[in-house]
């Protein structure tokens, strides 16, 4: 029970940096973002689309990302998101905070992050 609470809280606390980091590479749509998080974490972190989109909307409201609808022949319309200048600054700060946190966690709990 405690592990699932911890997992849930870590997932919630890392959602923004994961999304911003993927969008720093290039614009993406929500389904692709969720799939890449699952793929790159080797299944350790997954987001259901229903929980991912509220985070995307919140990031858009904060002007950290910008969305636009794209229609392509033979495909349904998708909303692609890209990182804004403010989003890049926030991502840099979040990366720094997470790096410091991981180092501190390793010092206290002896958890290496290879």
N, C-alpha and C. Protein backbone atom coordinates (compact mmCIF):
# COMPACT_ATOMS: atom_id res chain seq x y z
N UNK A 1 0.83 -1.20 0.00
CA UNK A 1 0.00 0.00 0.00
C UNK A 1 0.87 1.26 0.00
N UNK A 2 1.89 1.29 0.85
CA UNK A 2 2.77 2.46 0.92
C UNK A 2 3.52 2.64 -0.40
N UNK A 3 3.95 1.54 -1.01
CA UNK A 3 4.67 1.62 -2.28
C UNK A 3 3.78 2.21 -3.37
N UNK A 4 2.52 1.81 -3.44
CA UNK A 4 1.65 2.34 -4.49
C UNK A 4 1.37 3.83 -4.25
N UNK A 5 1.28 4.25 -2.98
CA UNK A 5 1.11 5.68 -2.69
C UNK A 5 2.34 6.44 -3.14
N UNK A 6 3.52 5.93 -2.82
CA UNK A 6 4.77 6.57 -3.22
C UNK A 6 4.88 6.64 -4.74
N UNK A 7 4.57 5.53 -5.40
CA UNK A 7 4.61 5.51 -6.87
C UNK A 7 3.67 6.55 -7.46
N UNK A 8 2.47 6.64 -6.92
CA UNK A 8 1.47 7.60 -7.40
C UNK A 8 1.97 9.04 -7.22
N UNK A 9 2.55 9.32 -6.06
CA UNK A 9 3.04 10.67 -5.78
C UNK A 9 4.25 11.03 -6.65
N UNK A 10 5.15 10.08 -6.83
CA UNK A 10 6.31 10.33 -7.70
C UNK A 10 5.86 10.58 -9.14
N UNK A 11 4.89 9.81 -9.58
CA UNK A 11 4.37 9.97 -10.93
C UNK A 11 3.73 11.35 -11.09
N UNK A 12 2.94 11.73 -10.11
CA UNK A 12 2.28 13.04 -10.16
C UNK A 12 3.31 14.17 -10.15
N UNK A 13 4.35 14.02 -9.33
CA UNK A 13 5.38 15.05 -9.21
C UNK A 13 6.31 15.13 -10.40
N UNK A 14 6.38 14.09 -11.19
CA UNK A 14 7.30 14.08 -12.33
C UNK A 14 6.62 14.32 -13.67
N UNK A 15 5.31 14.40 -13.69
CA UNK A 15 4.57 14.52 -14.95
C UNK A 15 5.02 15.73 -15.77
N UNK A 16 5.13 16.88 -15.12
CA UNK A 16 5.49 18.09 -15.86
C UNK A 16 6.86 17.98 -16.51
N UNK A 17 7.86 17.55 -15.76
CA UNK A 17 9.21 17.49 -16.34
C UNK A 17 9.28 16.46 -17.47
N UNK A 18 8.56 15.36 -17.33
CA UNK A 18 8.57 14.35 -18.39
C UNK A 18 7.97 14.91 -19.67
N UNK A 19 6.85 15.59 -19.55
CA UNK A 19 6.19 16.17 -20.72
C UNK A 19 7.05 17.27 -21.34
N UNK A 20 7.55 18.17 -20.50
CA UNK A 20 8.38 19.27 -21.02
C UNK A 20 9.64 18.74 -21.69
N UNK A 21 10.25 17.71 -21.12
CA UNK A 21 11.48 17.15 -21.70
C UNK A 21 11.21 16.55 -23.08
N UNK A 22 10.09 15.85 -23.22
CA UNK A 22 9.77 15.27 -24.54
C UNK A 22 9.46 16.36 -25.56
N UNK A 23 8.81 17.42 -25.11
CA UNK A 23 8.48 18.51 -26.03
C UNK A 23 9.70 19.36 -26.37
N UNK A 24 10.74 19.29 -25.54
CA UNK A 24 11.97 20.01 -25.85
C UNK A 24 12.64 19.41 -27.09
N UNK A 25 12.37 18.14 -27.35
CA UNK A 25 12.93 17.47 -28.53
C UNK A 25 12.25 17.91 -29.81
N UNK A 26 10.91 17.97 -29.76
CA UNK A 26 10.11 18.38 -30.93
C UNK A 26 8.63 18.39 -30.54
N UNK A 27 7.77 19.04 -31.33
CA UNK A 27 6.34 19.01 -31.04
C UNK A 27 5.79 17.58 -31.10
N UNK A 28 4.82 17.30 -30.22
CA UNK A 28 4.22 15.97 -30.16
C UNK A 28 2.76 16.09 -29.78
N UNK A 29 1.99 15.05 -30.10
CA UNK A 29 0.60 15.01 -29.67
C UNK A 29 0.51 14.17 -28.39
N UNK A 30 -0.59 14.30 -27.68
CA UNK A 30 -0.74 13.68 -26.36
C UNK A 30 -0.52 12.18 -26.33
N UNK A 31 -1.10 11.47 -27.28
CA UNK A 31 -0.94 10.01 -27.30
C UNK A 31 0.53 9.63 -27.44
N UNK A 32 1.25 10.34 -28.30
CA UNK A 32 2.68 10.07 -28.51
C UNK A 32 3.47 10.34 -27.23
N UNK A 33 3.13 11.40 -26.52
CA UNK A 33 3.81 11.72 -25.26
C UNK A 33 3.64 10.57 -24.27
N UNK A 34 2.41 10.12 -24.10
CA UNK A 34 2.14 9.01 -23.18
C UNK A 34 2.87 7.74 -23.58
N UNK A 35 2.88 7.45 -24.87
CA UNK A 35 3.55 6.24 -25.37
C UNK A 35 5.05 6.32 -25.14
N UNK A 36 5.65 7.49 -25.38
CA UNK A 36 7.09 7.63 -25.20
C UNK A 36 7.50 7.54 -23.73
N UNK A 37 6.69 8.09 -22.84
CA UNK A 37 7.00 7.97 -21.41
C UNK A 37 7.02 6.49 -21.03
N UNK A 38 6.03 5.75 -21.47
CA UNK A 38 5.96 4.31 -21.18
C UNK A 38 7.16 3.58 -21.80
N UNK A 39 7.44 3.89 -23.05
CA UNK A 39 8.52 3.22 -23.79
C UNK A 39 9.90 3.51 -23.18
N UNK A 40 10.19 4.78 -22.96
CA UNK A 40 11.52 5.16 -22.48
C UNK A 40 11.75 4.76 -21.03
N UNK A 41 10.68 4.66 -20.26
CA UNK A 41 10.84 4.23 -18.86
C UNK A 41 10.77 2.71 -18.75
N UNK A 42 10.64 2.04 -19.89
CA UNK A 42 10.51 0.57 -19.96
C UNK A 42 9.34 0.09 -19.12
N UNK A 43 8.24 0.85 -19.18
CA UNK A 43 7.01 0.47 -18.50
C UNK A 43 6.94 0.85 -17.04
N UNK A 44 7.98 1.47 -16.50
CA UNK A 44 7.99 1.84 -15.08
C UNK A 44 7.07 3.04 -14.82
N UNK A 45 6.91 3.90 -15.82
CA UNK A 45 6.04 5.08 -15.69
C UNK A 45 5.05 5.05 -16.84
N UNK A 46 3.78 5.03 -16.50
CA UNK A 46 2.74 5.06 -17.53
C UNK A 46 1.69 6.09 -17.15
N UNK A 47 1.14 6.72 -18.14
CA UNK A 47 0.05 7.68 -17.95
C UNK A 47 -1.10 7.26 -18.85
N UNK A 48 -2.27 7.15 -18.27
CA UNK A 48 -3.46 6.95 -19.09
C UNK A 48 -3.77 8.29 -19.74
N UNK A 49 -4.26 8.24 -20.93
CA UNK A 49 -4.57 9.46 -21.67
C UNK A 49 -5.46 10.38 -20.83
N UNK A 50 -6.40 9.81 -20.10
CA UNK A 50 -7.33 10.61 -19.30
C UNK A 50 -6.61 11.42 -18.22
N UNK A 51 -5.49 10.92 -17.72
CA UNK A 51 -4.76 11.67 -16.70
C UNK A 51 -3.68 12.56 -17.31
N UNK A 52 -3.27 12.28 -18.53
CA UNK A 52 -2.23 13.06 -19.18
C UNK A 52 -2.77 14.39 -19.71
N UNK A 53 -3.95 14.38 -20.30
CA UNK A 53 -4.48 15.59 -20.91
C UNK A 53 -4.73 16.73 -19.93
N UNK A 54 -5.23 16.48 -18.72
CA UNK A 54 -5.36 17.60 -17.79
C UNK A 54 -4.02 18.29 -17.50
N UNK A 55 -2.94 17.51 -17.46
CA UNK A 55 -1.62 18.10 -17.25
C UNK A 55 -1.21 18.94 -18.46
N UNK A 56 -1.49 18.44 -19.65
CA UNK A 56 -1.20 19.21 -20.86
C UNK A 56 -1.99 20.53 -20.86
N UNK A 57 -3.26 20.47 -20.50
CA UNK A 57 -4.09 21.69 -20.47
C UNK A 57 -3.56 22.67 -19.43
N UNK A 58 -3.12 22.16 -18.28
CA UNK A 58 -2.59 23.01 -17.22
C UNK A 58 -1.28 23.68 -17.68
N UNK A 59 -0.41 22.92 -18.35
CA UNK A 59 0.84 23.49 -18.86
C UNK A 59 0.56 24.55 -19.93
N UNK A 60 -0.48 24.30 -20.71
CA UNK A 60 -0.86 25.28 -21.73
C UNK A 60 -1.40 26.55 -21.08
N UNK A 61 -2.22 26.40 -20.04
CA UNK A 61 -2.75 27.56 -19.31
C UNK A 61 -1.64 28.39 -18.68
N UNK A 62 -0.54 27.72 -18.28
CA UNK A 62 0.60 28.42 -17.67
C UNK A 62 1.55 28.97 -18.74
N UNK A 63 1.20 28.80 -20.00
CA UNK A 63 2.02 29.26 -21.14
C UNK A 63 3.40 28.60 -21.20
N UNK A 64 3.48 27.36 -20.72
CA UNK A 64 4.73 26.61 -20.80
C UNK A 64 4.79 25.79 -22.09
N UNK A 65 3.61 25.47 -22.61
CA UNK A 65 3.50 24.78 -23.89
C UNK A 65 2.42 25.47 -24.70
N UNK A 66 2.46 25.23 -25.99
CA UNK A 66 1.48 25.81 -26.91
C UNK A 66 0.94 24.69 -27.78
N UNK A 67 -0.39 24.61 -27.88
CA UNK A 67 -1.00 23.56 -28.68
C UNK A 67 -1.65 24.10 -29.93
N UNK A 68 -1.67 23.28 -30.96
CA UNK A 68 -2.39 23.64 -32.19
C UNK A 68 -2.92 22.37 -32.83
N UNK A 69 -4.08 22.50 -33.44
CA UNK A 69 -4.71 21.37 -34.10
C UNK A 69 -4.09 21.17 -35.47
N UNK A 70 -3.82 19.91 -35.82
CA UNK A 70 -3.24 19.57 -37.12
C UNK A 70 -4.11 18.49 -37.74
N UNK A 71 -4.48 18.71 -39.01
CA UNK A 71 -5.25 17.72 -39.75
C UNK A 71 -4.39 17.20 -40.89
N UNK A 72 -4.34 15.89 -41.01
CA UNK A 72 -3.59 15.26 -42.09
C UNK A 72 -4.52 14.30 -42.81
N UNK A 73 -4.31 14.17 -44.11
CA UNK A 73 -5.16 13.29 -44.92
C UNK A 73 -5.07 11.86 -44.39
N UNK A 74 -6.21 11.24 -44.23
CA UNK A 74 -6.26 9.85 -43.79
C UNK A 74 -6.07 9.66 -42.29
N UNK A 75 -5.91 10.75 -41.55
CA UNK A 75 -5.75 10.66 -40.10
C UNK A 75 -6.78 11.57 -39.43
N UNK A 76 -7.07 11.25 -38.19
CA UNK A 76 -7.97 12.15 -37.48
C UNK A 76 -7.18 13.36 -36.97
N UNK A 77 -7.89 14.40 -36.70
CA UNK A 77 -7.28 15.64 -36.22
C UNK A 77 -6.59 15.41 -34.88
N UNK A 78 -5.39 15.96 -34.71
CA UNK A 78 -4.64 15.80 -33.46
C UNK A 78 -4.15 17.17 -33.00
N UNK A 79 -4.02 17.30 -31.69
CA UNK A 79 -3.49 18.53 -31.12
C UNK A 79 -2.01 18.30 -30.80
N UNK A 80 -1.16 19.06 -31.48
CA UNK A 80 0.28 18.97 -31.26
C UNK A 80 0.70 20.09 -30.30
N UNK A 81 1.58 19.72 -29.38
CA UNK A 81 2.07 20.67 -28.39
C UNK A 81 3.54 20.93 -28.62
N UNK A 82 3.95 22.18 -28.39
CA UNK A 82 5.37 22.51 -28.47
C UNK A 82 5.73 23.34 -27.25
N UNK A 83 6.99 23.31 -26.90
CA UNK A 83 7.51 24.03 -25.75
C UNK A 83 7.64 25.52 -26.08
N UNK A 84 7.28 26.37 -25.14
CA UNK A 84 7.46 27.81 -25.30
C UNK A 84 8.81 28.20 -24.68
N UNK A 85 9.19 29.44 -24.86
CA UNK A 85 10.42 29.94 -24.24
C UNK A 85 10.33 29.82 -22.72
N UNK A 86 9.18 30.18 -22.17
CA UNK A 86 8.98 30.06 -20.71
C UNK A 86 9.06 28.59 -20.30
N UNK A 87 8.55 27.70 -21.12
CA UNK A 87 8.60 26.28 -20.84
C UNK A 87 10.03 25.76 -20.80
N UNK A 88 10.88 26.27 -21.67
CA UNK A 88 12.30 25.87 -21.67
C UNK A 88 12.99 26.31 -20.38
N UNK A 89 12.66 27.51 -19.91
CA UNK A 89 13.25 27.99 -18.65
C UNK A 89 12.79 27.13 -17.48
N UNK A 90 11.50 26.82 -17.44
CA UNK A 90 10.96 25.99 -16.36
C UNK A 90 11.57 24.60 -16.41
N UNK A 91 11.72 24.04 -17.59
CA UNK A 91 12.33 22.72 -17.73
C UNK A 91 13.76 22.72 -17.19
N UNK A 92 14.52 23.74 -17.50
CA UNK A 92 15.91 23.83 -17.00
C UNK A 92 15.91 23.87 -15.47
N UNK A 93 15.01 24.65 -14.87
CA UNK A 93 14.94 24.72 -13.41
C UNK A 93 14.51 23.39 -12.82
N UNK A 94 13.50 22.75 -13.43
CA UNK A 94 13.03 21.47 -12.93
C UNK A 94 14.10 20.39 -13.03
N UNK A 95 14.86 20.39 -14.10
CA UNK A 95 15.95 19.42 -14.24
C UNK A 95 16.97 19.61 -13.11
N UNK A 96 17.28 20.84 -12.80
CA UNK A 96 18.23 21.14 -11.73
C UNK A 96 17.70 20.67 -10.37
N UNK A 97 16.43 20.94 -10.11
CA UNK A 97 15.81 20.53 -8.85
C UNK A 97 15.81 19.01 -8.74
N UNK A 98 15.41 18.32 -9.81
CA UNK A 98 15.38 16.85 -9.78
C UNK A 98 16.78 16.28 -9.60
N UNK A 99 17.77 16.86 -10.26
CA UNK A 99 19.14 16.36 -10.13
C UNK A 99 19.61 16.50 -8.68
N UNK A 100 19.35 17.65 -8.07
CA UNK A 100 19.73 17.85 -6.67
C UNK A 100 19.00 16.88 -5.76
N UNK A 101 17.73 16.65 -6.04
CA UNK A 101 16.92 15.74 -5.23
C UNK A 101 17.46 14.31 -5.33
N UNK A 102 17.80 13.87 -6.52
CA UNK A 102 18.31 12.51 -6.72
C UNK A 102 19.64 12.33 -6.00
N UNK A 103 20.51 13.33 -6.09
CA UNK A 103 21.80 13.26 -5.40
C UNK A 103 21.58 13.19 -3.89
N UNK A 104 20.68 14.04 -3.37
CA UNK A 104 20.40 14.04 -1.93
C UNK A 104 19.79 12.71 -1.49
N UNK A 105 18.88 12.18 -2.28
CA UNK A 105 18.25 10.89 -1.97
C UNK A 105 19.31 9.79 -1.91
N UNK A 106 20.23 9.83 -2.85
CA UNK A 106 21.31 8.84 -2.87
C UNK A 106 22.17 8.96 -1.63
N UNK A 107 22.47 10.19 -1.21
CA UNK A 107 23.30 10.38 -0.01
C UNK A 107 22.62 9.84 1.24
N UNK A 108 21.33 10.05 1.34
CA UNK A 108 20.60 9.67 2.55
C UNK A 108 20.23 8.19 2.52
N UNK A 109 19.66 7.74 1.42
CA UNK A 109 19.10 6.38 1.37
C UNK A 109 20.03 5.38 0.70
N UNK A 110 21.12 5.84 0.14
CA UNK A 110 22.05 4.91 -0.51
C UNK A 110 21.48 4.29 -1.76
N UNK A 111 20.72 5.09 -2.51
CA UNK A 111 20.10 4.59 -3.75
C UNK A 111 20.88 5.14 -4.92
N UNK A 112 21.62 4.29 -5.58
CA UNK A 112 22.39 4.73 -6.75
C UNK A 112 21.46 4.88 -7.94
N UNK A 113 21.77 5.80 -8.78
CA UNK A 113 20.95 6.04 -9.98
C UNK A 113 21.79 5.85 -11.25
N UNK A 114 22.16 4.62 -11.46
CA UNK A 114 23.02 4.28 -12.61
C UNK A 114 22.36 4.55 -13.93
